[in-house]
Amino acid sequence: MYTYARALAQLNNQFRLRRAVDTDNVPLAQLNQQSFFETYVDDCDTPYSKDDIKKYFRTSVSPETFADKIADSKQAIWIVEDKTNDEIVAFANAGPYNMPLSNVQAENDGQFYRLYIQRNYQDYGLGHCLMKVALSWLEKQFPGRPIWLGVWSGNLKGQEFHKKYNFHKVDERYYQVGKFKRHSFVMRRDSSSS
């Protein structure tokens, strides 16, 4: 079983791993928005309109939505901070299954919602640390049940990362932001994959 102690040992002295608290809502929203913009607009040139991005940020990844996630006892958010400047440089979010798939009845399953890492911190192993901590938590919250996640179909690096943790593609869906629908894969990790 993966624990906080093992996760902390995996990080070097530069980083601190902890659960999110209510005052983290603003920096979490900023990191999520920055990473989203860099990934889908700068890197992939996704044709989102400025108005659609603003609305998405306001309704789905705002400080208020993160405050709700932090306060939700069914969800968990883990943060990695850089001790040199106390800046949040990575986070992961998990909780109960909530994907809108018509052919799946997974109300007792868990879901890995988000994993974002600042660009200049992506080679420190922070993603692996956060993934292990979140999976351990999900396995305790949803024992013997599958764990789900969604990943953009163009994110080959992300898909390979998730495969290392025994996630496999089981379906496809479209993630809509404004008028644009982004093709995504649904991946599942069965409880026997632990």
N, C-alpha and C. Protein backbone atom coordinates (compact mmCIF):
# COMPACT_ATOMS: atom_id res chain seq x y z
N MET A 1 0.84 -1.18 0.00
CA MET A 1 0.00 0.00 0.00
C MET A 1 0.88 1.25 0.00
N TYR A 2 0.52 2.20 -0.80
CA TYR A 2 1.29 3.44 -0.91
C TYR A 2 0.79 4.42 0.14
N THR A 3 1.68 5.01 0.89
CA THR A 3 1.30 5.91 1.97
C THR A 3 1.93 7.28 1.76
N TYR A 4 1.48 8.24 2.57
CA TYR A 4 2.09 9.56 2.55
C TYR A 4 3.58 9.47 2.86
N ALA A 5 3.92 8.65 3.82
CA ALA A 5 5.34 8.53 4.21
C ALA A 5 6.18 8.07 3.03
N ARG A 6 5.70 7.10 2.29
CA ARG A 6 6.45 6.64 1.11
C ARG A 6 6.48 7.71 0.04
N ALA A 7 5.37 8.43 -0.13
CA ALA A 7 5.33 9.49 -1.13
C ALA A 7 6.32 10.59 -0.78
N LEU A 8 6.34 10.97 0.48
CA LEU A 8 7.27 12.01 0.91
C LEU A 8 8.71 11.58 0.73
N ALA A 9 8.99 10.32 1.01
CA ALA A 9 10.35 9.82 0.84
C ALA A 9 10.76 9.85 -0.63
N GLN A 10 9.78 9.71 -1.50
CA GLN A 10 10.05 9.71 -2.94
C GLN A 10 10.41 11.12 -3.43
N LEU A 11 9.85 12.13 -2.79
CA LEU A 11 10.13 13.50 -3.19
C LEU A 11 11.47 13.92 -2.59
N ASN A 12 12.16 14.81 -3.29
CA ASN A 12 13.40 15.30 -2.70
C ASN A 12 13.09 16.43 -1.72
N ASN A 13 14.08 16.97 -1.08
CA ASN A 13 13.88 17.97 -0.04
C ASN A 13 13.28 19.28 -0.55
N GLN A 14 13.17 19.43 -1.85
CA GLN A 14 12.64 20.67 -2.41
C GLN A 14 11.12 20.76 -2.31
N PHE A 15 10.45 19.60 -2.14
CA PHE A 15 8.99 19.58 -2.26
C PHE A 15 8.29 19.13 -0.98
N ARG A 16 7.04 19.58 -0.86
CA ARG A 16 6.17 19.21 0.25
C ARG A 16 4.86 18.68 -0.35
N LEU A 17 4.41 17.53 0.15
CA LEU A 17 3.14 16.93 -0.28
C LEU A 17 2.14 17.08 0.86
N ARG A 18 0.93 17.54 0.52
CA ARG A 18 -0.10 17.69 1.55
C ARG A 18 -1.48 17.69 0.89
N ARG A 19 -2.50 17.54 1.74
CA ARG A 19 -3.88 17.68 1.27
C ARG A 19 -4.22 19.16 1.16
N ALA A 20 -5.09 19.48 0.23
CA ALA A 20 -5.52 20.87 0.04
C ALA A 20 -6.37 21.34 1.21
N VAL A 21 -6.24 22.62 1.52
CA VAL A 21 -7.07 23.28 2.53
C VAL A 21 -7.83 24.42 1.85
N ASP A 22 -8.79 24.99 2.57
CA ASP A 22 -9.69 25.95 1.93
C ASP A 22 -8.99 27.15 1.32
N THR A 23 -7.84 27.56 1.84
CA THR A 23 -7.14 28.72 1.28
C THR A 23 -6.36 28.40 0.00
N ASP A 24 -6.38 27.14 -0.41
CA ASP A 24 -5.67 26.74 -1.65
C ASP A 24 -6.52 26.93 -2.90
N ASN A 25 -7.78 27.33 -2.75
CA ASN A 25 -8.67 27.36 -3.91
C ASN A 25 -8.19 28.29 -5.02
N VAL A 26 -7.64 29.46 -4.68
CA VAL A 26 -7.20 30.40 -5.72
C VAL A 26 -5.97 29.88 -6.46
N PRO A 27 -4.89 29.47 -5.77
CA PRO A 27 -3.74 28.96 -6.53
C PRO A 27 -4.04 27.68 -7.30
N LEU A 28 -4.96 26.85 -6.80
CA LEU A 28 -5.34 25.65 -7.55
C LEU A 28 -6.04 26.02 -8.84
N ALA A 29 -6.95 26.97 -8.78
CA ALA A 29 -7.65 27.43 -9.99
C ALA A 29 -6.65 28.04 -10.98
N GLN A 30 -5.71 28.83 -10.48
CA GLN A 30 -4.71 29.45 -11.36
C GLN A 30 -3.85 28.40 -12.04
N LEU A 31 -3.39 27.40 -11.30
CA LEU A 31 -2.56 26.34 -11.89
C LEU A 31 -3.36 25.54 -12.91
N ASN A 32 -4.60 25.19 -12.59
CA ASN A 32 -5.43 24.44 -13.53
C ASN A 32 -5.66 25.24 -14.81
N GLN A 33 -5.99 26.51 -14.67
CA GLN A 33 -6.24 27.35 -15.84
C GLN A 33 -4.99 27.52 -16.69
N GLN A 34 -3.87 27.76 -16.04
CA GLN A 34 -2.61 27.92 -16.77
C GLN A 34 -2.25 26.65 -17.54
N SER A 35 -2.35 25.50 -16.88
CA SER A 35 -2.00 24.23 -17.52
C SER A 35 -2.95 23.90 -18.65
N PHE A 36 -4.24 24.15 -18.44
CA PHE A 36 -5.22 23.92 -19.50
C PHE A 36 -4.90 24.76 -20.72
N PHE A 37 -4.64 26.04 -20.50
CA PHE A 37 -4.35 26.95 -21.61
C PHE A 37 -3.07 26.52 -22.34
N GLU A 38 -2.01 26.21 -21.60
CA GLU A 38 -0.76 25.79 -22.23
C GLU A 38 -0.94 24.53 -23.05
N THR A 39 -1.66 23.57 -22.49
CA THR A 39 -1.81 22.27 -23.15
C THR A 39 -2.72 22.35 -24.38
N TYR A 40 -3.91 22.88 -24.18
CA TYR A 40 -4.91 22.78 -25.25
C TYR A 40 -4.92 23.96 -26.21
N VAL A 41 -4.47 25.11 -25.79
CA VAL A 41 -4.47 26.27 -26.69
C VAL A 41 -3.08 26.50 -27.27
N ASP A 42 -2.07 26.65 -26.42
CA ASP A 42 -0.72 26.92 -26.92
C ASP A 42 -0.14 25.73 -27.69
N ASP A 43 -0.14 24.55 -27.06
CA ASP A 43 0.51 23.38 -27.66
C ASP A 43 -0.30 22.75 -28.78
N CYS A 44 -1.59 22.63 -28.58
CA CYS A 44 -2.40 21.85 -29.51
C CYS A 44 -3.26 22.70 -30.43
N ASP A 45 -3.23 23.99 -30.21
CA ASP A 45 -3.97 24.91 -31.08
C ASP A 45 -5.44 24.51 -31.21
N THR A 46 -6.04 24.08 -30.08
CA THR A 46 -7.46 23.74 -30.08
C THR A 46 -8.26 25.02 -30.35
N PRO A 47 -9.24 24.94 -31.24
CA PRO A 47 -9.94 26.16 -31.66
C PRO A 47 -11.02 26.64 -30.68
N TYR A 48 -10.63 26.80 -29.41
CA TYR A 48 -11.56 27.38 -28.44
C TYR A 48 -11.64 28.88 -28.67
N SER A 49 -12.84 29.43 -28.56
CA SER A 49 -12.95 30.89 -28.61
C SER A 49 -12.56 31.46 -27.25
N LYS A 50 -12.15 32.71 -27.22
CA LYS A 50 -11.79 33.35 -25.95
C LYS A 50 -12.98 33.36 -24.99
N ASP A 51 -14.17 33.58 -25.52
CA ASP A 51 -15.36 33.60 -24.66
C ASP A 51 -15.63 32.23 -24.07
N ASP A 52 -15.45 31.18 -24.86
CA ASP A 52 -15.68 29.82 -24.35
C ASP A 52 -14.67 29.46 -23.26
N ILE A 53 -13.42 29.87 -23.44
CA ILE A 53 -12.40 29.60 -22.41
C ILE A 53 -12.73 30.36 -21.13
N LYS A 54 -13.09 31.62 -21.27
CA LYS A 54 -13.44 32.41 -20.08
C LYS A 54 -14.62 31.79 -19.34
N LYS A 55 -15.62 31.37 -20.07
CA LYS A 55 -16.79 30.75 -19.44
C LYS A 55 -16.40 29.44 -18.77
N TYR A 56 -15.59 28.62 -19.43
CA TYR A 56 -15.15 27.35 -18.85
C TYR A 56 -14.37 27.60 -17.55
N PHE A 57 -13.46 28.56 -17.58
CA PHE A 57 -12.69 28.88 -16.38
C PHE A 57 -13.61 29.36 -15.26
N ARG A 58 -14.60 30.16 -15.60
CA ARG A 58 -15.51 30.72 -14.60
C ARG A 58 -16.44 29.65 -14.01
N THR A 59 -16.84 28.68 -14.82
CA THR A 59 -17.83 27.69 -14.35
C THR A 59 -17.24 26.37 -13.90
N SER A 60 -16.06 26.01 -14.39
CA SER A 60 -15.53 24.67 -14.11
C SER A 60 -14.22 24.64 -13.33
N VAL A 61 -13.39 25.66 -13.46
CA VAL A 61 -12.09 25.66 -12.77
C VAL A 61 -11.81 27.02 -12.13
N SER A 62 -12.83 27.55 -11.49
CA SER A 62 -12.70 28.83 -10.80
C SER A 62 -12.30 28.60 -9.35
N PRO A 63 -11.88 29.64 -8.64
CA PRO A 63 -11.63 29.49 -7.21
C PRO A 63 -12.84 28.95 -6.45
N GLU A 64 -14.04 29.34 -6.88
CA GLU A 64 -15.26 28.86 -6.22
C GLU A 64 -15.46 27.37 -6.44
N THR A 65 -15.20 26.88 -7.65
CA THR A 65 -15.37 25.44 -7.89
C THR A 65 -14.33 24.65 -7.11
N PHE A 66 -13.11 25.19 -6.99
CA PHE A 66 -12.11 24.49 -6.18
C PHE A 66 -12.45 24.54 -4.70
N ALA A 67 -13.04 25.63 -4.24
CA ALA A 67 -13.49 25.68 -2.84
C ALA A 67 -14.52 24.59 -2.58
N ASP A 68 -15.43 24.39 -3.54
CA ASP A 68 -16.44 23.33 -3.41
C ASP A 68 -15.79 21.94 -3.38
N LYS A 69 -14.80 21.72 -4.24
CA LYS A 69 -14.10 20.43 -4.27
C LYS A 69 -13.37 20.17 -2.96
N ILE A 70 -12.70 21.18 -2.43
CA ILE A 70 -11.96 21.02 -1.18
C ILE A 70 -12.92 20.71 -0.03
N ALA A 71 -14.09 21.35 -0.04
CA ALA A 71 -15.07 21.15 1.04
C ALA A 71 -15.84 19.84 0.91
N ASP A 72 -15.83 19.23 -0.26
CA ASP A 72 -16.58 18.00 -0.51
C ASP A 72 -15.88 16.81 0.15
N SER A 73 -16.50 16.22 1.14
CA SER A 73 -15.89 15.11 1.88
C SER A 73 -15.72 13.85 1.04
N LYS A 74 -16.38 13.78 -0.12
CA LYS A 74 -16.25 12.61 -0.99
C LYS A 74 -15.08 12.73 -1.97
N GLN A 75 -14.48 13.93 -2.04
CA GLN A 75 -13.35 14.16 -2.93
C GLN A 75 -12.08 14.41 -2.11
N ALA A 76 -10.95 14.30 -2.80
CA ALA A 76 -9.66 14.64 -2.18
C ALA A 76 -8.80 15.35 -3.21
N ILE A 77 -8.05 16.34 -2.74
CA ILE A 77 -7.08 17.04 -3.58
C ILE A 77 -5.75 17.01 -2.83
N TRP A 78 -4.71 16.57 -3.54
CA TRP A 78 -3.36 16.56 -3.01
C TRP A 78 -2.54 17.60 -3.74
N ILE A 79 -1.69 18.26 -3.00
CA ILE A 79 -0.89 19.36 -3.53
C ILE A 79 0.59 19.05 -3.33
N VAL A 80 1.41 19.43 -4.31
CA VAL A 80 2.85 19.44 -4.14
C VAL A 80 3.28 20.90 -4.20
N GLU A 81 3.99 21.34 -3.16
CA GLU A 81 4.51 22.70 -3.10
C GLU A 81 6.02 22.68 -3.22
N ASP A 82 6.55 23.72 -3.83
CA ASP A 82 7.99 23.94 -3.85
C ASP A 82 8.34 24.67 -2.56
N LYS A 83 9.15 24.05 -1.71
CA LYS A 83 9.49 24.66 -0.42
C LYS A 83 10.30 25.94 -0.56
N THR A 84 10.97 26.13 -1.69
CA THR A 84 11.79 27.32 -1.85
C THR A 84 10.97 28.59 -1.99
N ASN A 85 9.70 28.45 -2.46
CA ASN A 85 8.86 29.64 -2.63
C ASN A 85 7.41 29.43 -2.18
N ASP A 86 7.11 28.24 -1.60
CA ASP A 86 5.76 27.87 -1.14
C ASP A 86 4.71 27.90 -2.25
N GLU A 87 5.15 27.76 -3.47
CA GLU A 87 4.24 27.78 -4.61
C GLU A 87 3.69 26.38 -4.88
N ILE A 88 2.39 26.30 -5.18
CA ILE A 88 1.79 25.03 -5.59
C ILE A 88 2.23 24.76 -7.02
N VAL A 89 2.91 23.63 -7.22
CA VAL A 89 3.47 23.32 -8.54
C VAL A 89 2.79 22.12 -9.19
N ALA A 90 2.00 21.37 -8.42
CA ALA A 90 1.30 20.21 -8.96
C ALA A 90 0.14 19.86 -8.05
N PHE A 91 -0.89 19.23 -8.63
CA PHE A 91 -1.98 18.73 -7.81
C PHE A 91 -2.70 17.59 -8.51
N ALA A 92 -3.40 16.80 -7.70
CA ALA A 92 -4.25 15.72 -8.21
C ALA A 92 -5.57 15.79 -7.47
N ASN A 93 -6.63 15.36 -8.14
CA ASN A 93 -7.98 15.40 -7.59
C ASN A 93 -8.68 14.10 -7.93
N ALA A 94 -9.35 13.49 -6.94
CA ALA A 94 -10.06 12.23 -7.15
C ALA A 94 -11.32 12.19 -6.30
N GLY A 95 -12.23 11.29 -6.66
CA GLY A 95 -13.48 11.15 -5.91
C GLY A 95 -14.37 10.12 -6.56
N PRO A 96 -15.68 10.21 -6.34
CA PRO A 96 -16.61 9.24 -6.92
C PRO A 96 -16.74 9.42 -8.43
N TYR A 97 -17.05 8.34 -9.09
CA TYR A 97 -17.26 8.34 -10.54
C TYR A 97 -18.33 9.36 -10.91
N ASN A 98 -18.04 10.16 -11.96
CA ASN A 98 -19.05 11.13 -12.42
C ASN A 98 -19.03 11.37 -13.92
N MET A 99 -18.50 10.43 -14.69
CA MET A 99 -18.49 10.61 -16.15
C MET A 99 -19.86 10.31 -16.74
N PRO A 100 -20.28 11.10 -17.69
CA PRO A 100 -21.60 10.89 -18.29
C PRO A 100 -21.55 9.87 -19.43
N LEU A 101 -21.36 8.60 -19.09
CA LEU A 101 -21.38 7.55 -20.12
C LEU A 101 -22.69 6.80 -20.03
N SER A 102 -23.38 6.70 -21.15
CA SER A 102 -24.73 6.12 -21.14
C SER A 102 -24.73 4.62 -20.87
N ASN A 103 -23.65 3.93 -21.19
CA ASN A 103 -23.65 2.47 -21.05
C ASN A 103 -22.95 1.98 -19.79
N VAL A 104 -22.69 2.87 -18.84
CA VAL A 104 -21.96 2.49 -17.64
C VAL A 104 -22.76 2.83 -16.40
N GLN A 105 -22.92 1.88 -15.53
CA GLN A 105 -23.53 2.08 -14.22
C GLN A 105 -22.41 1.93 -13.19
N ALA A 106 -21.79 3.02 -12.83
CA ALA A 106 -20.58 2.94 -12.00
C ALA A 106 -20.69 3.82 -10.76
N GLU A 107 -21.89 3.89 -10.18
CA GLU A 107 -22.08 4.79 -9.05
C GLU A 107 -21.25 4.42 -7.82
N ASN A 108 -20.74 3.20 -7.76
CA ASN A 108 -19.91 2.79 -6.62
C ASN A 108 -18.41 2.82 -6.94
N ASP A 109 -18.06 3.31 -8.11
CA ASP A 109 -16.67 3.33 -8.54
C ASP A 109 -16.00 4.67 -8.22
N GLY A 110 -14.68 4.69 -8.29
CA GLY A 110 -13.92 5.90 -8.09
C GLY A 110 -13.45 6.49 -9.40
N GLN A 111 -13.04 7.74 -9.36
CA GLN A 111 -12.54 8.39 -10.57
C GLN A 111 -11.37 9.31 -10.23
N PHE A 112 -10.37 9.26 -11.07
CA PHE A 112 -9.23 10.16 -11.00
C PHE A 112 -9.59 11.34 -11.89
N TYR A 113 -9.84 12.52 -11.30
CA TYR A 113 -10.35 13.66 -12.05
C TYR A 113 -9.27 14.46 -12.76
N ARG A 114 -8.25 14.84 -12.01
CA ARG A 114 -7.27 15.78 -12.57
C ARG A 114 -5.87 15.48 -12.04
N LEU A 115 -4.90 15.76 -12.89
CA LEU A 115 -3.49 15.74 -12.50
C LEU A 115 -2.81 16.82 -13.34
N TYR A 116 -2.40 17.89 -12.69
CA TYR A 116 -1.74 18.99 -13.39
C TYR A 116 -0.42 19.31 -12.71
N ILE A 117 0.59 19.56 -13.53
CA ILE A 117 1.93 19.89 -13.04
C ILE A 117 2.43 21.09 -13.84
N GLN A 118 2.97 22.08 -13.13
CA GLN A 118 3.56 23.21 -13.85
C GLN A 118 4.62 22.70 -14.81
N ARG A 119 4.70 23.33 -15.95
CA ARG A 119 5.59 22.87 -17.00
C ARG A 119 7.05 22.72 -16.56
N ASN A 120 7.55 23.67 -15.84
CA ASN A 120 8.96 23.63 -15.45
C ASN A 120 9.22 22.68 -14.28
N TYR A 121 8.20 21.93 -13.84
CA TYR A 121 8.36 20.94 -12.77
C TYR A 121 8.01 19.53 -13.24
N GLN A 122 7.94 19.32 -14.53
CA GLN A 122 7.44 18.04 -15.02
C GLN A 122 8.47 16.92 -15.05
N ASP A 123 9.70 17.17 -14.69
CA ASP A 123 10.71 16.11 -14.71
C ASP A 123 11.20 15.73 -13.31
N TYR A 124 10.36 15.93 -12.31
CA TYR A 124 10.75 15.64 -10.92
C TYR A 124 10.06 14.40 -10.36
N GLY A 125 9.23 13.72 -11.12
CA GLY A 125 8.51 12.56 -10.61
C GLY A 125 7.27 12.91 -9.81
N LEU A 126 6.82 14.16 -9.90
CA LEU A 126 5.67 14.59 -9.11
C LEU A 126 4.38 13.89 -9.55
N GLY A 127 4.24 13.65 -10.85
CA GLY A 127 3.05 12.97 -11.36
C GLY A 127 2.94 11.56 -10.80
N HIS A 128 4.05 10.84 -10.76
CA HIS A 128 4.02 9.48 -10.22
C HIS A 128 3.67 9.49 -8.74
N CYS A 129 4.24 10.41 -8.01
CA CYS A 129 3.95 10.52 -6.58
C CYS A 129 2.46 10.79 -6.36
N LEU A 130 1.91 11.76 -7.06
CA LEU A 130 0.50 12.10 -6.90
C LEU A 130 -0.41 10.96 -7.35
N MET A 131 -0.05 10.29 -8.42
CA MET A 131 -0.86 9.18 -8.91
C MET A 131 -0.91 8.06 -7.87
N LYS A 132 0.22 7.73 -7.29
CA LYS A 132 0.26 6.65 -6.30
C LYS A 132 -0.55 6.99 -5.06
N VAL A 133 -0.43 8.22 -4.58
CA VAL A 133 -1.19 8.63 -3.39
C VAL A 133 -2.69 8.60 -3.70
N ALA A 134 -3.08 9.14 -4.85
CA ALA A 134 -4.50 9.17 -5.21
C ALA A 134 -5.06 7.77 -5.41
N LEU A 135 -4.31 6.90 -6.06
CA LEU A 135 -4.81 5.53 -6.27
C LEU A 135 -4.97 4.81 -4.94
N SER A 136 -4.04 5.00 -4.03
CA SER A 136 -4.15 4.37 -2.71
C SER A 136 -5.42 4.84 -2.01
N TRP A 137 -5.69 6.15 -2.07
CA TRP A 137 -6.90 6.71 -1.46
C TRP A 137 -8.15 6.17 -2.13
N LEU A 138 -8.16 6.13 -3.47
CA LEU A 138 -9.32 5.63 -4.20
C LEU A 138 -9.60 4.16 -3.86
N GLU A 139 -8.55 3.36 -3.74
CA GLU A 139 -8.73 1.95 -3.40
C GLU A 139 -9.33 1.77 -2.01
N LYS A 140 -9.01 2.67 -1.09
CA LYS A 140 -9.61 2.61 0.25
C LYS A 140 -11.07 3.08 0.23
N GLN A 141 -11.36 4.12 -0.54
CA GLN A 141 -12.71 4.67 -0.60
C GLN A 141 -13.67 3.80 -1.38
N PHE A 142 -13.16 3.10 -2.39
CA PHE A 142 -13.99 2.30 -3.30
C PHE A 142 -13.40 0.89 -3.41
N PRO A 143 -13.35 0.16 -2.29
CA PRO A 143 -12.67 -1.14 -2.29
C PRO A 143 -13.31 -2.14 -3.26
N GLY A 144 -12.43 -2.80 -4.01
CA GLY A 144 -12.88 -3.82 -4.95
C GLY A 144 -13.58 -3.29 -6.18
N ARG A 145 -13.55 -1.97 -6.38
CA ARG A 145 -14.26 -1.36 -7.50
C ARG A 145 -13.28 -0.79 -8.51
N PRO A 146 -13.69 -0.69 -9.78
CA PRO A 146 -12.83 -0.06 -10.79
C PRO A 146 -12.62 1.43 -10.52
N ILE A 147 -11.54 1.95 -11.07
CA ILE A 147 -11.23 3.37 -11.02
C ILE A 147 -11.17 3.86 -12.47
N TRP A 148 -11.76 5.00 -12.72
CA TRP A 148 -11.91 5.54 -14.07
C TRP A 148 -11.15 6.86 -14.22
N LEU A 149 -10.86 7.21 -15.47
CA LEU A 149 -10.35 8.55 -15.79
C LEU A 149 -10.59 8.83 -17.25
N GLY A 150 -10.53 10.09 -17.60
CA GLY A 150 -10.63 10.51 -18.99
C GLY A 150 -9.33 11.18 -19.39
N VAL A 151 -8.92 10.94 -20.64
CA VAL A 151 -7.68 11.55 -21.14
C VAL A 151 -7.91 11.94 -22.60
N TRP A 152 -7.43 13.09 -22.95
CA TRP A 152 -7.56 13.58 -24.33
C TRP A 152 -6.91 12.59 -25.28
N SER A 153 -7.56 12.31 -26.39
CA SER A 153 -7.05 11.31 -27.35
C SER A 153 -5.72 11.73 -27.96
N GLY A 154 -5.43 13.02 -27.99
CA GLY A 154 -4.16 13.49 -28.54
C GLY A 154 -3.03 13.53 -27.52
N ASN A 155 -3.32 13.21 -26.28
CA ASN A 155 -2.30 13.25 -25.22
C ASN A 155 -1.66 11.87 -25.09
N LEU A 156 -0.76 11.56 -26.00
CA LEU A 156 -0.13 10.24 -26.02
C LEU A 156 0.73 10.02 -24.78
N LYS A 157 1.41 11.06 -24.33
CA LYS A 157 2.24 10.95 -23.14
C LYS A 157 1.38 10.61 -21.92
N GLY A 158 0.24 11.27 -21.80
CA GLY A 158 -0.68 11.00 -20.69
C GLY A 158 -1.24 9.59 -20.74
N GLN A 159 -1.58 9.12 -21.94
CA GLN A 159 -2.11 7.76 -22.07
C GLN A 159 -1.07 6.73 -21.65
N GLU A 160 0.17 6.92 -22.08
CA GLU A 160 1.24 5.99 -21.69
C GLU A 160 1.48 6.04 -20.19
N PHE A 161 1.43 7.23 -19.61
CA PHE A 161 1.58 7.38 -18.17
C PHE A 161 0.51 6.56 -17.43
N HIS A 162 -0.74 6.68 -17.85
CA HIS A 162 -1.83 5.97 -17.18
C HIS A 162 -1.73 4.46 -17.38
N LYS A 163 -1.24 4.03 -18.53
CA LYS A 163 -1.07 2.59 -18.76
C LYS A 163 -0.09 1.98 -17.77
N LYS A 164 0.89 2.75 -17.33
CA LYS A 164 1.85 2.25 -16.33
C LYS A 164 1.16 1.89 -15.03
N TYR A 165 -0.02 2.46 -14.80
CA TYR A 165 -0.79 2.18 -13.59
C TYR A 165 -1.99 1.28 -13.89
N ASN A 166 -1.87 0.51 -14.97
CA ASN A 166 -2.85 -0.51 -15.35
C ASN A 166 -4.21 0.05 -15.77
N PHE A 167 -4.24 1.28 -16.25
CA PHE A 167 -5.45 1.80 -16.87
C PHE A 167 -5.46 1.36 -18.33
N HIS A 168 -6.62 1.00 -18.83
CA HIS A 168 -6.74 0.64 -20.23
C HIS A 168 -7.98 1.30 -20.83
N LYS A 169 -7.89 1.59 -22.10
CA LYS A 169 -8.98 2.29 -22.80
C LYS A 169 -10.18 1.36 -22.91
N VAL A 170 -11.35 1.87 -22.51
CA VAL A 170 -12.58 1.08 -22.60
C VAL A 170 -13.68 1.78 -23.39
N ASP A 171 -13.51 3.08 -23.65
CA ASP A 171 -14.57 3.81 -24.34
C ASP A 171 -14.01 5.12 -24.86
N GLU A 172 -14.85 5.87 -25.56
CA GLU A 172 -14.50 7.19 -26.05
C GLU A 172 -15.63 8.14 -25.72
N ARG A 173 -15.31 9.39 -25.62
CA ARG A 173 -16.33 10.41 -25.38
C ARG A 173 -15.81 11.74 -25.89
N TYR A 174 -16.66 12.74 -25.84
CA TYR A 174 -16.27 14.09 -26.21
C TYR A 174 -16.41 14.99 -24.99
N TYR A 175 -15.37 15.75 -24.73
CA TYR A 175 -15.37 16.69 -23.62
C TYR A 175 -15.61 18.07 -24.21
N GLN A 176 -16.75 18.65 -23.90
CA GLN A 176 -17.14 19.89 -24.54
C GLN A 176 -16.77 21.11 -23.71
N VAL A 177 -16.10 22.04 -24.36
CA VAL A 177 -15.84 23.36 -23.80
C VAL A 177 -16.39 24.35 -24.80
N GLY A 178 -17.49 25.00 -24.44
CA GLY A 178 -18.14 25.89 -25.38
C GLY A 178 -18.67 25.13 -26.57
N LYS A 179 -18.34 25.61 -27.76
CA LYS A 179 -18.82 24.96 -28.98
C LYS A 179 -17.94 23.81 -29.43
N PHE A 180 -16.73 23.71 -28.89
CA PHE A 180 -15.77 22.71 -29.36
C PHE A 180 -15.83 21.45 -28.50
N LYS A 181 -15.90 20.30 -29.17
CA LYS A 181 -15.89 19.01 -28.49
C LYS A 181 -14.53 18.35 -28.72
N ARG A 182 -13.83 18.08 -27.62
CA ARG A 182 -12.51 17.45 -27.69
C ARG A 182 -12.66 15.95 -27.52
N HIS A 183 -12.14 15.20 -28.48
CA HIS A 183 -12.21 13.75 -28.45
C HIS A 183 -11.33 13.21 -27.32
N SER A 184 -11.92 12.39 -26.45
CA SER A 184 -11.19 11.85 -25.30
C SER A 184 -11.40 10.35 -25.20
N PHE A 185 -10.48 9.71 -24.50
CA PHE A 185 -10.60 8.29 -24.20
C PHE A 185 -11.00 8.13 -22.75
N VAL A 186 -11.82 7.14 -22.50
CA VAL A 186 -12.17 6.74 -21.14
C VAL A 186 -11.30 5.53 -20.81
N MET A 187 -10.60 5.61 -19.68
CA MET A 187 -9.73 4.51 -19.27
C MET A 187 -10.19 4.00 -17.91
N ARG A 188 -10.00 2.70 -17.70
CA ARG A 188 -10.44 2.07 -16.45
C ARG A 188 -9.31 1.20 -15.89
N ARG A 189 -9.22 1.20 -14.59
CA ARG A 189 -8.29 0.33 -13.87
C ARG A 189 -9.14 -0.57 -12.99
N ASP A 190 -9.08 -1.85 -13.27
CA ASP A 190 -9.89 -2.80 -12.50
C ASP A 190 -9.27 -3.04 -11.14
N SER A 191 -10.10 -3.43 -10.18
CA SER A 191 -9.60 -3.60 -8.82
C SER A 191 -8.54 -4.70 -8.73
N SER A 192 -8.56 -5.65 -9.62
CA SER A 192 -7.56 -6.71 -9.63
C SER A 192 -6.21 -6.23 -10.12
N SER A 193 -6.13 -4.97 -10.61
CA SER A 193 -4.88 -4.42 -11.14
C SER A 193 -4.00 -3.79 -10.08
N SER A 194 -4.46 -3.76 -8.84
CA SER A 194 -3.73 -3.09 -7.76
C SER A 194 -2.33 -3.62 -7.58
